């Protein structure tokens, strides 16, 4: 079985308890539809987070492993996402949301992923989904955060063919995965422990694999956790706003007008 090779290794940029691993202006162009990834880890004060802020043209998926998150969005969703559950916000043509973290202990660990949306979907109505921990599929050592794995499908309807996993490996464990043939995009982030991939030891860094149809293989030298994404390539340009990613300037312009209208409503209601 041919295995993919590592093309790039990236440690990200640290900002307090957040490490930015992928941004639309750098690795996001190479890994699209995965255009943004933040790794949250460290001491997080109870109630820390982000007030209302806008997005358009993307879907965000928030996954907190050991913290609950209080969320609200202008698409009508509001509530608590319990630890290991998921908050999915398909922003479409524009929405605002906010989230506040309530750790279970002294530290918190989690991720926020942005997925670029295809034409049509990027201009659609926003949709928010909260997935309870018990509804996130667990297949052996793999927690399925998005897409399909071993004929099991996550309840979130992804905008394109993609798979997003959280993998736990014991010391000495080996895991092999053959993505669908169309999934030329593949990356992994070893966020706990140490593993060998493509014959190279790695820890605490994002791995970008070649755009082939090969398999992925990880050998754990110590107890480890790996976040992993594969997908069909997003064959569209990335047209960037401050918190938006679209496929055309016209789509971005329409979204910015909608976001300004929502902002005005929030201000009239003293929410901003």
Protein backbone atom coordinates (compact mmCIF):
# COMPACT_ATOMS: atom_id res chain seq x y z
CA UNK A 1 0.00 0.00 0.00
CA UNK A 2 1.56 3.37 -0.99
CA UNK A 3 1.62 5.95 1.80
CA UNK A 4 1.59 9.72 1.46
CA UNK A 5 4.69 11.75 2.14
CA UNK A 6 4.97 14.87 4.29
CA UNK A 7 5.36 18.04 2.22
CA UNK A 8 5.36 20.64 5.01
CA UNK A 9 5.65 20.81 8.81
CA UNK A 10 4.25 23.80 10.65
CA UNK A 11 4.27 24.65 14.39
CA UNK A 12 1.86 27.58 14.11
CA UNK A 13 1.83 30.92 15.92
CA UNK A 14 1.07 31.17 19.62
CA UNK A 15 -1.27 33.89 20.94
CA UNK A 16 -1.86 33.33 24.65
CA UNK A 17 -3.69 30.02 25.03
CA UNK A 18 -4.45 29.85 21.27
CA UNK A 19 -2.08 28.47 18.63
CA UNK A 20 -3.04 29.36 15.05
CA UNK A 21 -2.10 26.46 12.79
CA UNK A 22 -3.87 27.33 9.52
CA UNK A 23 -4.95 30.73 8.18
CA UNK A 24 -6.65 31.57 4.87
CA UNK A 25 -3.68 33.68 3.81
CA UNK A 26 -1.07 30.94 4.28
CA UNK A 27 -1.65 27.18 4.61
CA UNK A 28 -5.37 27.67 3.97
CA UNK A 29 -4.63 28.20 0.29
CA UNK A 30 -2.80 24.87 0.16
CA UNK A 31 -5.32 22.95 2.31
CA UNK A 32 -8.64 24.42 1.15
CA UNK A 33 -11.46 23.68 1.96
CA UNK A 34 -9.71 23.62 5.38
CA UNK A 35 -8.83 27.32 5.58
CA UNK A 36 -8.38 27.97 9.30
CA UNK A 37 -7.51 25.97 12.41
CA UNK A 38 -7.00 27.23 15.96
CA UNK A 39 -5.72 24.98 18.75
CA UNK A 40 -6.81 26.13 22.20
CA UNK A 41 -4.75 24.72 25.06
CA UNK A 42 -3.73 26.00 28.47
CA UNK A 43 -5.19 27.91 31.37
CA UNK A 44 -8.47 29.46 30.26
CA UNK A 45 -10.34 31.64 32.79
CA UNK A 46 -13.93 30.56 33.30
CA UNK A 47 -16.14 32.56 30.95
CA UNK A 48 -13.34 33.56 28.59
CA UNK A 49 -14.26 33.70 24.94
CA UNK A 50 -15.47 35.99 22.21
CA UNK A 51 -18.48 38.30 22.10
CA UNK A 52 -20.62 38.73 19.00
CA UNK A 53 -18.51 38.74 15.83
CA UNK A 54 -19.37 38.16 12.14
CA UNK A 55 -18.64 35.42 9.61
CA UNK A 56 -19.69 34.69 6.04
CA UNK A 57 -18.75 32.24 3.30
CA UNK A 58 -17.48 29.61 5.72
CA UNK A 59 -18.65 26.98 8.16
CA UNK A 60 -17.05 26.87 11.61
CA UNK A 61 -16.78 23.71 13.70
CA UNK A 62 -15.86 24.12 17.37
CA UNK A 63 -14.74 21.08 19.37
CA UNK A 64 -13.87 21.47 23.05
CA UNK A 65 -12.54 18.34 24.70
CA UNK A 66 -12.70 19.31 28.38
CA UNK A 67 -14.84 22.45 28.53
CA UNK A 68 -18.46 23.41 28.04
CA UNK A 69 -19.19 26.36 25.74
CA UNK A 70 -22.13 28.77 25.91
CA UNK A 71 -23.03 29.77 22.33
CA UNK A 72 -25.46 32.07 20.62
CA UNK A 73 -25.85 33.08 16.98
CA UNK A 74 -28.11 35.36 14.97
CA UNK A 75 -29.42 32.36 13.03
CA UNK A 76 -31.50 31.54 16.10
CA UNK A 77 -29.36 29.03 18.02
CA UNK A 78 -28.56 29.49 21.71
CA UNK A 79 -27.45 27.05 24.37
CA UNK A 80 -24.66 25.06 26.01
CA UNK A 81 -22.45 22.72 24.01
CA UNK A 82 -21.10 20.17 26.48
CA UNK A 83 -17.49 18.98 26.37
CA UNK A 84 -16.71 16.68 23.39
CA UNK A 85 -19.86 17.90 21.63
CA UNK A 86 -19.75 20.05 18.49
CA UNK A 87 -20.93 23.52 17.50
CA UNK A 88 -21.40 23.84 13.73
CA UNK A 89 -22.17 27.22 12.24
CA UNK A 90 -22.71 27.36 8.50
CA UNK A 91 -22.50 31.11 8.10
CA UNK A 92 -23.64 31.23 4.46
CA UNK A 93 -24.28 34.79 3.32
CA UNK A 94 -23.64 36.19 6.81
CA UNK A 95 -24.28 35.69 10.50
CA UNK A 96 -22.89 36.75 13.89
CA UNK A 97 -22.16 34.46 16.83
CA UNK A 98 -20.53 34.45 20.25
CA UNK A 99 -19.09 31.81 22.56
CA UNK A 100 -17.80 31.63 26.13
CA UNK A 101 -15.71 28.78 27.56
CA UNK A 102 -16.34 27.06 30.89
CA UNK A 103 -13.44 24.66 31.58
CA UNK A 104 -13.92 21.55 33.70
CA UNK A 105 -10.47 22.00 35.27
CA UNK A 106 -7.47 24.31 35.35
CA UNK A 107 -6.78 23.89 31.63
CA UNK A 108 -8.84 23.49 28.49
CA UNK A 109 -8.11 21.86 25.14
CA UNK A 110 -10.08 22.35 21.95
CA UNK A 111 -10.13 23.33 18.29
CA UNK A 112 -11.96 25.62 15.91
CA UNK A 113 -11.93 24.75 12.22
CA UNK A 114 -13.14 26.87 9.28
CA UNK A 115 -14.32 25.19 6.09
CA UNK A 116 -14.64 27.18 2.86
CA UNK A 117 -18.09 26.95 1.23
CA UNK A 118 -18.72 26.38 -2.47
CA UNK A 119 -20.61 28.84 -4.72
CA UNK A 120 -24.30 28.96 -3.94
CA UNK A 121 -23.89 27.66 -0.39
CA UNK A 122 -21.69 30.66 0.48
CA UNK A 123 -24.63 32.98 -0.26
CA UNK A 124 -27.30 30.86 1.46
CA UNK A 125 -29.09 31.18 4.76
CA UNK A 126 -27.02 30.54 7.91
CA UNK A 127 -27.62 27.33 9.83
CA UNK A 128 -26.43 26.48 13.33
CA UNK A 129 -26.30 22.97 14.80
CA UNK A 130 -25.27 21.81 18.25
CA UNK A 131 -24.31 18.13 18.40
CA UNK A 132 -24.46 16.54 21.86
CA UNK A 133 -21.45 14.44 22.95
CA UNK A 134 -23.44 11.21 22.74
CA UNK A 135 -24.39 12.01 19.14
CA UNK A 136 -20.79 12.40 17.92
CA UNK A 137 -19.87 8.99 16.44
CA UNK A 138 -17.12 7.03 18.19
CA UNK A 139 -15.64 4.20 16.11
CA UNK A 140 -13.04 2.41 18.19
CA UNK A 141 -10.26 4.90 18.93
CA UNK A 142 -11.63 7.45 16.40
CA UNK A 143 -14.06 10.26 17.18
CA UNK A 144 -15.74 11.31 13.93
CA UNK A 145 -16.11 15.10 13.97
CA UNK A 146 -17.24 15.56 10.36
CA UNK A 147 -17.91 13.41 7.32
CA UNK A 148 -17.79 9.61 7.11
CA UNK A 149 -15.48 6.90 8.46
CA UNK A 150 -15.92 3.13 8.08
CA UNK A 151 -19.48 3.60 6.76
CA UNK A 152 -20.45 5.70 9.81
CA UNK A 153 -21.59 9.26 9.09
CA UNK A 154 -21.50 12.28 11.36
CA UNK A 155 -24.95 13.96 11.71
CA UNK A 156 -23.63 17.28 10.37
CA UNK A 157 -24.25 17.75 6.65
CA UNK A 158 -20.87 18.85 5.29
CA UNK A 159 -20.81 21.23 2.28
CA UNK A 160 -18.44 18.91 0.36
CA UNK A 161 -16.79 15.52 0.71
CA UNK A 162 -14.47 15.63 3.74
CA UNK A 163 -13.48 13.70 6.85
CA UNK A 164 -12.37 15.21 10.17
CA UNK A 165 -11.19 12.91 12.98
CA UNK A 166 -9.79 12.92 16.51
CA UNK A 167 -7.65 9.79 16.95
CA UNK A 168 -6.34 8.29 20.20
CA UNK A 169 -3.36 5.93 19.98
CA UNK A 170 -1.76 3.96 22.83
CA UNK A 171 2.00 3.65 23.13
CA UNK A 172 3.15 1.24 20.44
CA UNK A 173 -0.13 1.57 18.56
CA UNK A 174 -0.35 1.84 14.75
CA UNK A 175 -3.17 3.36 12.72
CA UNK A 176 -3.57 3.25 8.96
CA UNK A 177 -6.23 5.07 6.98
CA UNK A 178 -7.04 5.03 3.29
CA UNK A 179 -9.03 8.20 2.50
CA UNK A 180 -11.48 8.20 -0.41
CA UNK A 181 -9.62 8.45 -3.72
CA UNK A 182 -10.96 11.97 -4.31
CA UNK A 183 -9.55 13.25 -0.99
CA UNK A 184 -6.27 14.69 -2.29
CA UNK A 185 -6.06 17.11 0.63
CA UNK A 186 -4.72 15.62 3.87
CA UNK A 187 -3.21 17.05 7.05
CA UNK A 188 -2.68 15.94 10.64
CA UNK A 189 -1.82 17.64 13.93
CA UNK A 190 -0.18 15.57 16.69
CA UNK A 191 -1.32 17.50 19.75
CA UNK A 192 -0.42 14.96 22.42
CA UNK A 193 2.46 12.50 22.59
CA UNK A 194 4.85 11.59 19.80
CA UNK A 195 4.27 9.60 16.62
CA UNK A 196 6.14 8.61 13.48
CA UNK A 197 4.60 9.50 10.11
CA UNK A 198 6.34 9.06 6.75
CA UNK A 199 9.30 7.68 8.71
CA UNK A 200 9.73 10.94 10.64
CA UNK A 201 9.08 11.54 14.38
CA UNK A 202 6.66 14.38 15.06
CA UNK A 203 5.01 16.10 18.01
CA UNK A 204 3.13 19.39 18.39
CA UNK A 205 3.23 20.26 14.70
CA UNK A 206 0.89 20.30 11.75
CA UNK A 207 1.78 17.88 8.95
CA UNK A 208 0.75 18.65 5.35
CA UNK A 209 0.74 15.54 3.15
CA UNK A 210 1.21 15.33 -0.60
CA UNK A 211 -1.83 15.57 -2.89
CA UNK A 212 -1.96 11.91 -3.85
CA UNK A 213 -4.44 9.07 -3.37
CA UNK A 214 -2.13 7.26 -0.94
CA UNK A 215 -2.89 6.12 2.60
CA UNK A 216 -1.85 7.63 5.92
CA UNK A 217 0.03 5.77 8.65
CA UNK A 218 0.93 6.75 12.22
CA UNK A 219 3.01 4.79 14.77
CA UNK A 220 2.79 6.03 18.36
CA UNK A 221 6.00 6.11 20.42
CA UNK A 222 3.97 7.18 23.48
CA UNK A 223 0.26 7.68 24.23
CA UNK A 224 -0.85 10.17 21.57
CA UNK A 225 -3.77 12.09 20.10
CA UNK A 226 -3.96 13.22 16.49
CA UNK A 227 -6.39 15.60 14.80
CA UNK A 228 -6.72 14.76 11.11
CA UNK A 229 -8.53 16.11 8.05
CA UNK A 230 -8.92 14.87 4.47
CA UNK A 231 -11.08 16.29 1.70
CA UNK A 232 -11.70 16.91 -1.95
CA UNK A 233 -9.83 20.05 -2.97
CA UNK A 234 -11.84 23.29 -2.98
CA UNK A 235 -11.30 24.33 -6.60
CA UNK A 236 -12.19 27.99 -6.12
CA UNK A 237 -10.24 31.14 -5.27
CA UNK A 238 -10.22 32.42 -1.69
CA UNK A 239 -11.53 35.99 -1.61
CA UNK A 240 -10.91 37.22 1.92
CA UNK A 241 -12.65 39.64 4.23
CA UNK A 242 -11.64 40.27 7.85
CA UNK A 243 -13.73 37.32 9.06
CA UNK A 244 -15.08 35.99 5.76
CA UNK A 245 -13.91 33.72 2.96
CA UNK A 246 -15.75 33.71 -0.38
CA UNK A 247 -15.17 32.52 -3.93
CA UNK A 248 -15.80 35.91 -5.60
CA UNK A 249 -15.75 39.61 -4.83
CA UNK A 250 -19.46 39.90 -5.63
CA UNK A 251 -20.33 37.22 -3.08
CA UNK A 252 -18.14 38.90 -0.45
CA UNK A 253 -19.72 42.30 -1.17
CA UNK A 254 -23.25 40.93 -0.68
CA UNK A 255 -22.20 39.27 2.55
CA UNK A 256 -20.62 42.41 3.96
CA UNK A 257 -23.84 44.31 3.34
CA UNK A 258 -25.79 41.64 5.20
CA UNK A 259 -23.30 41.58 8.07
CA UNK A 260 -23.58 45.35 8.46
CA UNK A 261 -27.38 45.07 8.64
CA UNK A 262 -27.14 42.41 11.35
CA UNK A 263 -24.61 44.55 13.23
CA UNK A 264 -27.05 47.46 13.19
CA UNK A 265 -29.79 45.23 14.61
CA UNK A 266 -27.50 44.03 17.41
CA UNK A 267 -26.56 47.61 18.24
CA UNK A 268 -30.20 48.69 18.34
CA UNK A 269 -30.83 45.87 20.79
CA UNK A 270 -27.79 46.90 22.89
CA UNK A 271 -26.10 43.55 22.12
CA UNK A 272 -22.92 45.26 20.87
